[in-house]
Amino acid sequence: MNSSKVLYHLKQTGVVVRLVSALVISVALTISSYGQSATETASAPQPGGTILTLDEAVRLALGQASVYEQARLNERIAAEDVKQAQSAFLPRVISPLSVVYTTPSSATPLPGSARDPSFIAANAVAEYQALAGVAGELDVAGRLRAGLRRSRAALAAAHAGSEVARRDLVQAVTENYYGLALAAARRRSVELTLAAAEEFERITDLLVNGGEVAQVDLLRARLQTATRRDEMEQARTNEAAATDILRFIIGYDINAPIAVIDLMTTIPEPKDIDRYAAATITTRPEFVQFDSLRRAAEQEISLARADRRPQLVYSVNGGFDSDTIKSTMIRQHLGGVLSIGVTIPIFDWGISKSRERQARFRIQSVETDRSLSKRNFTQQFNTARSQAMSAITRFRIVSTSITDAERNVATSIARYRAGEASIIEVTDAQSTLASQRTALAQALFDYQVSSARLRQAAGQ
């Protein structure tokens, strides 16, 4: 007896009805399993890996070579400038040592006297000088004080720049962390959709063999399954790419397994958004940096003006300056010397005035950047807040519609089996459910990213 006759006999006895009904129930259970156990399936870590939290990812990223690390180095460089500016007030300890030889004069020396050097400026034919003392500058023009204040302002700007870089890195880690969570959620959703499509293809194949539906329905079911398999490959590729990016940021080995939190467990809360206010935008470290850069430019003006004032330097030295290194003679030439010098600037071809104008232009540039940044940060705050509230609304809508989409798939399959609907209705229902699952994951991702941007925009 061939398979058609067997199926016909079973159909007459009602077995086919019970078999197909059981398969329909199986497909329905497969579809609804996403809503009932998505958390358990989605939260399972990858083989060999452990769940990596966002805080741990941020900690690892901050320890890697990055723009933030470069900003920290710039801050240390600025700190050394402050030390140098402070040390400029202190006298420098010096010890000039020299030996000067001058050719003897051609004149005949007096009896009992040494030969004179040929140059009248020379003290002796051989001169030995060994001194020790201090030298420095008296800040009568305010140049050293202005330089110290400028270095301190530059250090404050560098410190604020480090905080800006740190927050940017945290934001990048957050977006890529939840980007991987989104890719994993999409891959798991496609797995469920593919399983349902394969089960429906199997049902359709049985119905075609039993003469219940046309052969073209099986072709459409196979096409639907092929589409889901293609989506599965794309989802796996996207997840692998997102994993590689996160590995790079946090410094993981390229082959190390990594798993992140289940995106479906991050339920958005409106109260988390309401606590941020636009009034706190000015507390961002960028504004501290602007203020510090302005102060540094103001001290540049003071430095330029100080260059047009008299400068006073001093040196105090003690030791010997002798024409011999014999100890008996060196004692006669021991002594000390105090030197004070005043430099009075007269004309520098407008260099100091040009530096002063240059500093004023820097102040104008800083104020322009501050104004533009404030408007930009306000726009970022409003945009991030709107996106976060929209993501919450979308999450609520899609959360409700997924249940309806699952019920719609089960109903469409039952109607198709009863001959009341075409296979197009079933495939459309499956596509709708897949899009709803994707929309839910996207809404959760958008909420996490926009709320992180909102925190950054609000200066927190």
Protein backbone atom coordinates (compact mmCIF):
# COMPACT_ATOMS: atom_id res chain seq x y z
CA MET A 1 0.00 0.00 0.00
CA ASN A 2 1.56 3.35 -1.02
CA SER A 3 1.80 6.41 1.24
CA SER A 4 -1.18 8.21 -0.38
CA LYS A 5 -3.50 5.30 0.34
CA VAL A 6 -2.21 5.04 3.90
CA LEU A 7 -2.83 8.72 4.50
CA TYR A 8 -6.24 8.47 2.87
CA HIS A 9 -7.12 5.56 5.14
CA LEU A 10 -5.90 7.40 8.21
CA LYS A 11 -7.85 10.47 7.18
CA GLN A 12 -11.01 8.43 6.93
CA THR A 13 -10.49 7.10 10.44
CA GLY A 14 -9.82 10.60 11.87
CA VAL A 15 -6.16 10.03 12.74
CA VAL A 16 -4.93 12.77 10.41
CA VAL A 17 -7.20 15.27 12.12
CA ARG A 18 -5.72 14.44 15.49
CA LEU A 19 -2.15 14.38 14.10
CA VAL A 20 -2.38 17.76 12.43
CA SER A 21 -4.09 19.25 15.47
CA ALA A 22 -1.21 18.06 17.62
CA LEU A 23 1.32 19.59 15.23
CA VAL A 24 -0.57 22.91 15.22
CA ILE A 25 -0.48 22.92 19.00
CA SER A 26 3.27 22.19 18.84
CA VAL A 27 3.87 25.19 16.59
CA ALA A 28 1.75 27.39 18.82
CA LEU A 29 3.72 26.32 21.87
CA THR A 30 6.99 27.03 20.05
CA ILE A 31 5.80 30.51 19.16
CA SER A 32 4.44 31.35 22.59
CA SER A 33 7.59 30.09 24.28
CA TYR A 34 9.23 33.42 23.50
CA GLY A 35 6.77 35.29 25.65
CA GLN A 36 6.81 32.69 28.45
CA SER A 37 10.51 31.83 28.75
CA ALA A 38 12.40 34.50 26.84
CA THR A 39 14.21 35.55 29.96
CA GLU A 40 15.49 32.05 30.71
CA THR A 41 16.61 31.46 27.13
CA ALA A 42 18.08 34.91 26.59
CA SER A 43 19.97 35.15 29.83
CA ALA A 44 21.94 31.95 29.30
CA PRO A 45 25.63 32.84 28.84
CA GLN A 46 27.64 31.65 25.92
CA PRO A 47 29.51 28.37 26.39
CA GLY A 48 32.62 28.92 28.46
CA GLY A 49 31.73 32.55 29.25
CA THR A 50 30.32 34.47 32.20
CA ILE A 51 27.96 37.40 32.24
CA LEU A 52 29.94 40.63 31.83
CA THR A 53 28.25 43.55 33.60
CA LEU A 54 28.28 47.08 32.25
CA ASP A 55 30.26 48.37 35.25
CA GLU A 56 32.91 45.72 34.71
CA ALA A 57 33.10 46.56 31.00
CA VAL A 58 33.58 50.24 31.85
CA ARG A 59 36.31 49.39 34.38
CA LEU A 60 38.16 47.29 31.82
CA ALA A 61 37.85 49.95 29.11
CA LEU A 62 39.24 52.68 31.38
CA GLY A 63 42.38 50.61 31.83
CA GLN A 64 43.06 50.30 28.10
CA ALA A 65 45.02 52.61 25.82
CA SER A 66 42.44 55.11 24.63
CA VAL A 67 41.65 58.80 24.19
CA TYR A 68 40.95 58.88 27.92
CA GLU A 69 44.41 57.53 28.73
CA GLN A 70 45.92 60.15 26.41
CA ALA A 71 43.95 62.85 28.22
CA ARG A 72 45.32 61.58 31.54
CA LEU A 73 48.85 61.89 30.15
CA ASN A 74 48.11 65.46 29.04
CA GLU A 75 46.92 66.19 32.57
CA ARG A 76 50.19 64.88 34.01
CA ILE A 77 52.14 67.01 31.54
CA ALA A 78 50.20 70.08 32.68
CA ALA A 79 50.91 69.18 36.32
CA GLU A 80 54.64 69.22 35.57
CA ASP A 81 54.23 72.70 34.06
CA VAL A 82 52.80 73.86 37.39
CA LYS A 83 55.78 72.42 39.26
CA GLN A 84 58.16 74.21 36.90
CA ALA A 85 56.31 77.51 37.32
CA GLN A 86 56.44 77.19 41.12
CA SER A 87 60.15 76.37 41.05
CA ALA A 88 60.86 79.48 38.97
CA PHE A 89 60.34 81.60 42.12
CA LEU A 90 63.16 79.78 43.91
CA PRO A 91 66.86 80.62 43.43
CA ARG A 92 68.84 78.19 41.34
CA VAL A 93 71.98 76.74 42.89
CA ILE A 94 74.89 76.99 40.47
CA SER A 95 78.62 76.27 40.52
CA PRO A 96 80.54 77.84 37.62
CA LEU A 97 83.98 76.29 37.13
CA SER A 98 86.40 77.57 34.50
CA VAL A 99 90.03 77.69 33.45
CA VAL A 100 91.10 80.53 31.15
CA TYR A 101 94.48 80.61 29.45
CA THR A 102 95.71 83.72 27.64
CA THR A 103 98.95 83.98 25.73
CA PRO A 104 101.65 86.00 27.52
CA SER A 105 102.41 89.54 26.45
CA SER A 106 105.46 90.12 24.26
CA ALA A 107 106.57 92.94 26.58
CA THR A 108 109.47 92.24 28.91
CA PRO A 109 108.14 91.76 32.45
CA LEU A 110 109.58 93.69 35.37
CA PRO A 111 112.15 91.84 37.44
CA GLY A 112 110.49 89.54 39.97
CA SER A 113 107.01 89.82 38.44
CA ALA A 114 105.01 87.38 36.35
CA ARG A 115 104.45 87.97 32.70
CA ASP A 116 101.33 89.89 31.83
CA PRO A 117 98.68 88.40 29.52
CA SER A 118 98.55 89.69 25.99
CA PHE A 119 94.90 90.87 26.34
CA ILE A 120 94.26 93.74 28.71
CA ALA A 121 90.88 92.25 29.73
CA ALA A 122 92.56 89.09 31.05
CA ASN A 123 93.42 88.91 34.74
CA ALA A 124 96.40 86.57 34.27
CA VAL A 125 97.98 84.26 31.78
CA ALA A 126 96.31 81.34 33.55
CA GLU A 127 93.13 82.00 35.52
CA TYR A 128 91.39 79.37 37.67
CA GLN A 129 87.85 80.09 38.81
CA ALA A 130 85.70 77.92 41.08
CA LEU A 131 82.51 79.46 42.46
CA ALA A 132 79.30 78.27 44.06
CA GLY A 133 76.18 80.32 44.57
CA VAL A 134 72.59 81.04 43.75
CA ALA A 135 70.89 82.96 40.97
CA GLY A 136 67.32 83.86 40.21
CA GLU A 137 64.79 86.47 39.23
CA LEU A 138 62.87 88.89 41.43
CA ASP A 139 59.32 88.98 40.07
CA VAL A 140 58.91 92.74 40.07
CA ALA A 141 57.07 92.66 36.72
CA GLY A 142 54.67 89.85 37.69
CA ARG A 143 55.86 87.57 34.92
CA LEU A 144 56.48 84.56 37.16
CA ARG A 145 53.16 84.95 38.96
CA ALA A 146 51.28 85.17 35.69
CA GLY A 147 53.10 82.10 34.41
CA LEU A 148 52.16 80.13 37.52
CA ARG A 149 48.49 81.13 37.25
CA ARG A 150 48.50 80.19 33.58
CA SER A 151 49.97 76.76 34.34
CA ARG A 152 47.38 76.15 37.05
CA ALA A 153 44.58 77.12 34.68
CA ALA A 154 46.02 74.81 32.02
CA LEU A 155 46.13 71.99 34.59
CA ALA A 156 42.48 72.57 35.48
CA ALA A 157 41.59 72.51 31.78
CA ALA A 158 43.53 69.27 31.30
CA HIS A 159 41.80 67.71 34.31
CA ALA A 160 38.41 68.68 32.89
CA GLY A 161 39.49 67.28 29.53
CA SER A 162 40.31 63.97 31.21
CA GLU A 163 36.82 63.87 32.69
CA VAL A 164 35.29 64.65 29.28
CA ALA A 165 37.30 61.82 27.70
CA ARG A 166 36.31 59.46 30.52
CA ARG A 167 32.61 60.20 30.03
CA ASP A 168 32.89 59.82 26.28
CA LEU A 169 34.57 56.44 26.77
CA VAL A 170 31.88 55.35 29.24
CA GLN A 171 29.22 56.37 26.71
CA ALA A 172 30.97 54.43 23.95
CA VAL A 173 31.22 51.34 26.16
CA THR A 174 27.55 51.64 27.10
CA GLU A 175 26.39 51.89 23.49
CA ASN A 176 28.54 48.98 22.33
CA TYR A 177 27.62 46.90 25.39
CA TYR A 178 23.92 47.25 24.71
CA GLY A 179 24.64 46.95 20.99
CA LEU A 180 25.91 43.44 21.68
CA ALA A 181 22.88 42.78 23.90
CA LEU A 182 20.62 43.89 21.04
CA ALA A 183 22.43 41.67 18.53
CA ALA A 184 22.12 38.69 20.89
CA ALA A 185 18.41 39.37 21.46
CA ARG A 186 17.80 39.56 17.71
CA ARG A 187 19.67 36.32 17.17
CA ARG A 188 17.60 34.55 19.82
CA SER A 189 14.39 35.97 18.33
CA VAL A 190 15.36 34.73 14.87
CA GLU A 191 16.10 31.30 16.35
CA LEU A 192 12.53 31.08 17.63
CA THR A 193 11.11 32.35 14.35
CA LEU A 194 13.21 29.88 12.37
CA ALA A 195 12.09 27.01 14.59
CA ALA A 196 8.44 27.97 14.03
CA ALA A 197 8.99 28.27 10.25
CA GLU A 198 10.63 24.84 10.09
CA GLU A 199 7.80 23.30 12.10
CA PHE A 200 5.22 24.92 9.83
CA GLU A 201 7.07 23.65 6.76
CA ARG A 202 6.92 20.14 8.22
CA ILE A 203 3.16 20.48 8.80
CA THR A 204 2.64 21.77 5.27
CA ASP A 205 4.61 18.86 3.86
CA LEU A 206 2.33 16.41 5.69
CA LEU A 207 -0.76 18.24 4.46
CA VAL A 208 0.51 18.20 0.87
CA ASN A 209 1.21 14.48 1.08
CA GLY A 210 -2.28 13.96 2.45
CA GLY A 211 -3.84 15.96 -0.35
CA GLU A 212 -5.10 18.64 2.03
CA VAL A 213 -3.31 21.59 0.38
CA ALA A 214 -1.68 22.39 -2.94
CA GLN A 215 1.99 21.80 -3.75
CA VAL A 216 2.56 25.55 -4.12
CA ASP A 217 1.89 25.98 -0.39
CA LEU A 218 4.86 23.77 0.38
CA LEU A 219 7.03 25.88 -1.92
CA ARG A 220 5.94 29.04 -0.08
CA ALA A 221 6.61 27.42 3.28
CA ARG A 222 10.09 26.44 2.11
CA LEU A 223 10.73 30.00 0.91
CA GLN A 224 9.62 31.30 4.29
CA THR A 225 12.04 28.93 6.03
CA ALA A 226 14.86 29.93 3.68
CA THR A 227 14.20 33.58 4.47
CA ARG A 228 14.40 32.85 8.20
CA ARG A 229 17.65 30.93 7.73
CA ASP A 230 19.11 33.90 5.89
CA GLU A 231 18.01 36.17 8.74
CA MET A 232 19.65 33.74 11.15
CA GLU A 233 22.99 33.97 9.37
CA GLN A 234 22.77 37.76 9.32
CA ALA A 235 21.92 37.84 13.03
CA ARG A 236 24.89 35.60 13.88
CA THR A 237 27.22 37.76 11.82
CA ASN A 238 25.97 40.95 13.45
CA GLU A 239 26.36 39.43 16.90
CA ALA A 240 29.92 38.32 16.10
CA ALA A 241 30.80 41.81 14.84
CA ALA A 242 29.31 43.46 17.94
CA THR A 243 31.25 41.03 20.13
CA ASP A 244 34.53 41.86 18.40
CA ILE A 245 33.96 45.60 18.86
CA LEU A 246 33.27 45.22 22.57
CA ARG A 247 36.30 42.93 22.96
CA PHE A 248 38.47 45.62 21.37
CA ILE A 249 37.17 48.39 23.62
CA ILE A 250 37.55 46.50 26.91
CA GLY A 251 40.78 44.72 25.98
CA TYR A 252 39.48 41.15 25.83
CA ASP A 253 41.40 38.54 23.90
CA ILE A 254 39.99 38.11 20.41
CA ASN A 255 39.12 34.47 21.11
CA ALA A 256 37.83 34.95 24.66
CA PRO A 257 34.12 34.14 25.09
CA ILE A 258 31.95 37.02 26.21
CA ALA A 259 28.30 37.29 27.21
CA VAL A 260 26.37 40.36 28.33
CA ILE A 261 23.19 40.99 30.24
CA ASP A 262 19.87 39.91 28.73
CA LEU A 263 18.35 42.97 27.10
CA MET A 264 14.83 41.68 27.76
CA THR A 265 15.34 42.00 31.53
CA THR A 266 16.03 45.75 31.38
CA ILE A 267 12.57 47.19 32.00
CA PRO A 268 12.43 50.96 31.38
CA GLU A 269 11.09 53.24 34.11
CA PRO A 270 9.77 56.78 33.37
CA LYS A 271 10.85 58.01 36.81
CA ASP A 272 14.46 57.37 35.85
CA ILE A 273 14.07 59.94 33.08
CA ASP A 274 12.18 62.56 35.08
CA ARG A 275 15.03 63.07 37.55
CA TYR A 276 17.22 64.73 34.91
CA ALA A 277 16.81 68.48 34.33
CA ALA A 278 18.21 70.80 31.68
CA ALA A 279 19.39 73.18 34.42
CA THR A 280 22.27 70.83 35.25
CA ILE A 281 23.77 71.02 31.76
CA THR A 282 26.19 73.74 32.88
CA THR A 283 27.73 71.31 35.40
CA ARG A 284 29.29 69.32 32.57
CA PRO A 285 33.11 69.19 32.67
CA GLU A 286 33.23 70.89 29.28
CA PHE A 287 32.19 74.17 30.92
CA VAL A 288 34.89 73.78 33.57
CA GLN A 289 37.32 73.33 30.72
CA PHE A 290 36.06 76.48 28.99
CA ASP A 291 36.46 78.53 32.19
CA SER A 292 39.98 77.21 32.70
CA LEU A 293 40.99 77.97 29.12
CA ARG A 294 39.67 81.50 29.53
CA ARG A 295 41.72 82.02 32.70
CA ALA A 296 44.80 80.68 30.93
CA ALA A 297 44.28 83.15 28.07
CA GLU A 298 43.86 86.01 30.56
CA GLN A 299 47.21 85.13 32.09
CA GLU A 300 48.72 85.16 28.61
CA ILE A 301 47.72 88.83 28.50
CA SER A 302 49.48 89.42 31.82
CA LEU A 303 52.58 87.66 30.54
CA ALA A 304 52.64 89.79 27.40
CA ARG A 305 52.36 92.96 29.49
CA ALA A 306 55.09 91.77 31.87
CA ASP A 307 57.47 91.50 28.93
CA ARG A 308 57.19 95.30 28.55
CA ARG A 309 58.22 95.93 32.18
CA PRO A 310 61.74 95.91 33.70
CA GLN A 311 63.12 92.53 34.76
CA LEU A 312 65.37 92.18 37.82
CA VAL A 313 67.83 89.29 38.16
CA TYR A 314 70.42 88.53 40.82
CA SER A 315 73.27 86.15 41.57
CA VAL A 316 75.35 85.52 44.70
CA ASN A 317 78.56 83.52 44.33
CA GLY A 318 81.44 82.56 46.60
CA GLY A 319 84.76 80.82 45.89
CA PHE A 320 88.12 81.72 44.43
CA ASP A 321 89.42 83.36 41.29
CA SER A 322 93.19 82.87 41.17
CA ASP A 323 96.11 82.70 38.79
CA THR A 324 97.38 79.57 40.50
CA ILE A 325 95.98 76.47 42.15
CA LYS A 326 98.49 76.51 45.00
CA SER A 327 96.65 76.38 48.30
CA THR A 328 98.67 79.21 49.82
CA MET A 329 97.74 81.55 46.98
CA ILE A 330 94.11 80.37 46.71
CA ARG A 331 93.45 81.55 50.28
CA GLN A 332 94.41 85.06 49.21
CA HIS A 333 91.84 85.00 46.40
CA LEU A 334 88.88 83.56 48.33
CA GLY A 335 85.82 85.79 48.40
CA GLY A 336 82.29 86.43 47.26
CA VAL A 337 80.45 88.47 44.69
CA LEU A 338 76.89 89.84 44.50
CA SER A 339 75.48 90.77 41.12
CA ILE A 340 72.16 92.49 40.44
CA GLY A 341 70.98 93.22 36.92
CA VAL A 342 68.04 95.16 35.55
CA THR A 343 66.76 94.68 32.01
CA ILE A 344 64.64 97.53 30.71
CA PRO A 345 62.70 96.66 27.53
CA ILE A 346 62.63 99.53 25.06
CA PHE A 347 61.43 98.23 21.71
CA ASP A 348 60.57 94.68 20.58
CA TRP A 349 58.96 95.41 17.22
CA GLY A 350 55.46 94.88 18.62
CA ILE A 351 55.96 91.24 19.60
CA SER A 352 54.52 91.57 23.12
CA LYS A 353 51.51 93.55 21.90
CA SER A 354 50.90 90.91 19.24
CA ARG A 355 50.94 88.21 21.93
CA GLU A 356 48.44 90.24 23.95
CA ARG A 357 46.08 90.53 20.98
CA GLN A 358 46.54 86.83 20.30
CA ALA A 359 45.45 86.03 23.86
CA ARG A 360 42.36 88.22 23.50
CA PHE A 361 41.44 86.36 20.33
CA ARG A 362 41.76 83.11 22.28
CA ILE A 363 39.31 84.43 24.87
CA GLN A 364 36.82 85.28 22.12
CA SER A 365 37.29 81.82 20.62
CA VAL A 366 36.67 80.15 23.99
CA GLU A 367 33.51 82.20 24.56
CA THR A 368 32.25 81.29 21.09
CA ASP A 369 32.91 77.59 21.72
CA ARG A 370 31.16 77.85 25.07
CA SER A 371 28.06 79.42 23.54
CA LEU A 372 27.89 76.89 20.71
CA SER A 373 28.49 73.98 23.07
CA LYS A 374 25.76 75.10 25.44
CA ARG A 375 23.23 75.17 22.61
CA ASN A 376 24.50 71.83 21.34
CA PHE A 377 24.32 70.21 24.77
CA THR A 378 20.80 71.56 25.29
CA GLN A 379 19.76 70.07 21.96
CA GLN A 380 21.38 66.75 22.90
CA PHE A 381 19.53 66.77 26.24
CA ASN A 382 16.15 67.43 24.64
CA THR A 383 16.74 64.87 21.89
CA ALA A 384 17.91 62.18 24.32
CA ARG A 385 14.95 62.81 26.63
CA SER A 386 12.47 62.60 23.76
CA GLN A 387 14.08 59.40 22.49
CA ALA A 388 14.02 57.84 25.96
CA MET A 389 10.34 58.68 26.52
CA SER A 390 9.52 57.43 23.03
CA ALA A 391 11.36 54.17 23.73
CA ILE A 392 9.31 53.69 26.92
CA THR A 393 6.08 54.23 24.98
CA ARG A 394 7.18 51.87 22.23
CA PHE A 395 8.13 49.23 24.79
CA ARG A 396 4.67 49.35 26.33
CA ILE A 397 2.93 49.13 22.96
CA VAL A 398 5.06 46.30 21.59
CA SER A 399 4.97 44.33 24.86
CA THR A 400 1.19 44.15 24.54
CA SER A 401 1.15 43.51 20.80
CA ILE A 402 3.55 40.54 20.97
CA THR A 403 0.93 38.47 22.77
CA ASP A 404 -1.59 39.36 20.07
CA ALA A 405 0.96 38.53 17.35
CA GLU A 406 1.61 35.11 18.88
CA ARG A 407 -2.12 34.43 19.08
CA ASN A 408 -2.50 35.64 15.49
CA VAL A 409 0.08 33.10 14.27
CA ALA A 410 -1.61 30.24 16.10
CA THR A 411 -5.03 31.27 14.75
CA SER A 412 -3.74 31.66 11.19
CA ILE A 413 -2.23 28.17 11.27
CA ALA A 414 -5.48 26.72 12.57
CA ARG A 415 -7.49 28.56 9.88
CA TYR A 416 -5.03 27.40 7.23
CA ARG A 417 -5.35 23.81 8.37
CA ALA A 418 -9.16 24.09 8.27
CA GLY A 419 -9.03 25.48 4.73
CA GLU A 420 -10.36 28.88 5.81
CA ALA A 421 -7.17 30.86 5.08
CA SER A 422 -4.34 30.81 2.57
CA ILE A 423 -0.70 30.21 3.37
CA ILE A 424 -0.09 33.93 2.76
CA GLU A 425 -2.03 34.68 5.93
CA VAL A 426 0.23 32.34 7.90
CA THR A 427 3.48 33.73 6.51
CA ASP A 428 2.27 37.30 7.07
CA ALA A 429 1.41 36.44 10.66
CA GLN A 430 4.86 34.93 11.21
CA SER A 431 6.53 37.99 9.68
CA THR A 432 4.46 40.27 11.91
CA LEU A 433 5.51 38.34 15.01
CA ALA A 434 9.16 38.49 13.98
CA SER A 435 8.96 42.25 13.42
CA GLN A 436 7.28 42.74 16.80
CA ARG A 437 10.04 40.83 18.56
CA THR A 438 12.65 42.92 16.77
CA ALA A 439 10.77 46.10 17.65
CA LEU A 440 10.70 45.13 21.33
CA ALA A 441 14.45 44.54 21.44
CA GLN A 442 15.08 47.77 19.53
CA ALA A 443 12.89 49.75 21.95
CA LEU A 444 14.84 48.41 24.92
CA PHE A 445 18.15 49.19 23.23
CA ASP A 446 17.03 52.71 22.32
CA TYR A 447 15.96 53.30 25.91
CA GLN A 448 19.28 52.21 27.39
CA VAL A 449 21.34 54.24 24.92
CA SER A 450 19.17 57.37 25.06
CA SER A 451 19.03 57.30 28.86
CA ALA A 452 22.84 57.05 28.96
CA ARG A 453 23.08 60.00 26.57
CA LEU A 454 20.60 61.88 28.72
CA ARG A 455 22.75 61.35 31.81
CA GLN A 456 25.80 62.58 29.95
CA ALA A 457 23.96 65.61 28.56
CA ALA A 458 22.72 66.50 32.03
CA GLY A 459 26.26 66.45 33.39
CA GLN A 460 25.81 63.32 35.51
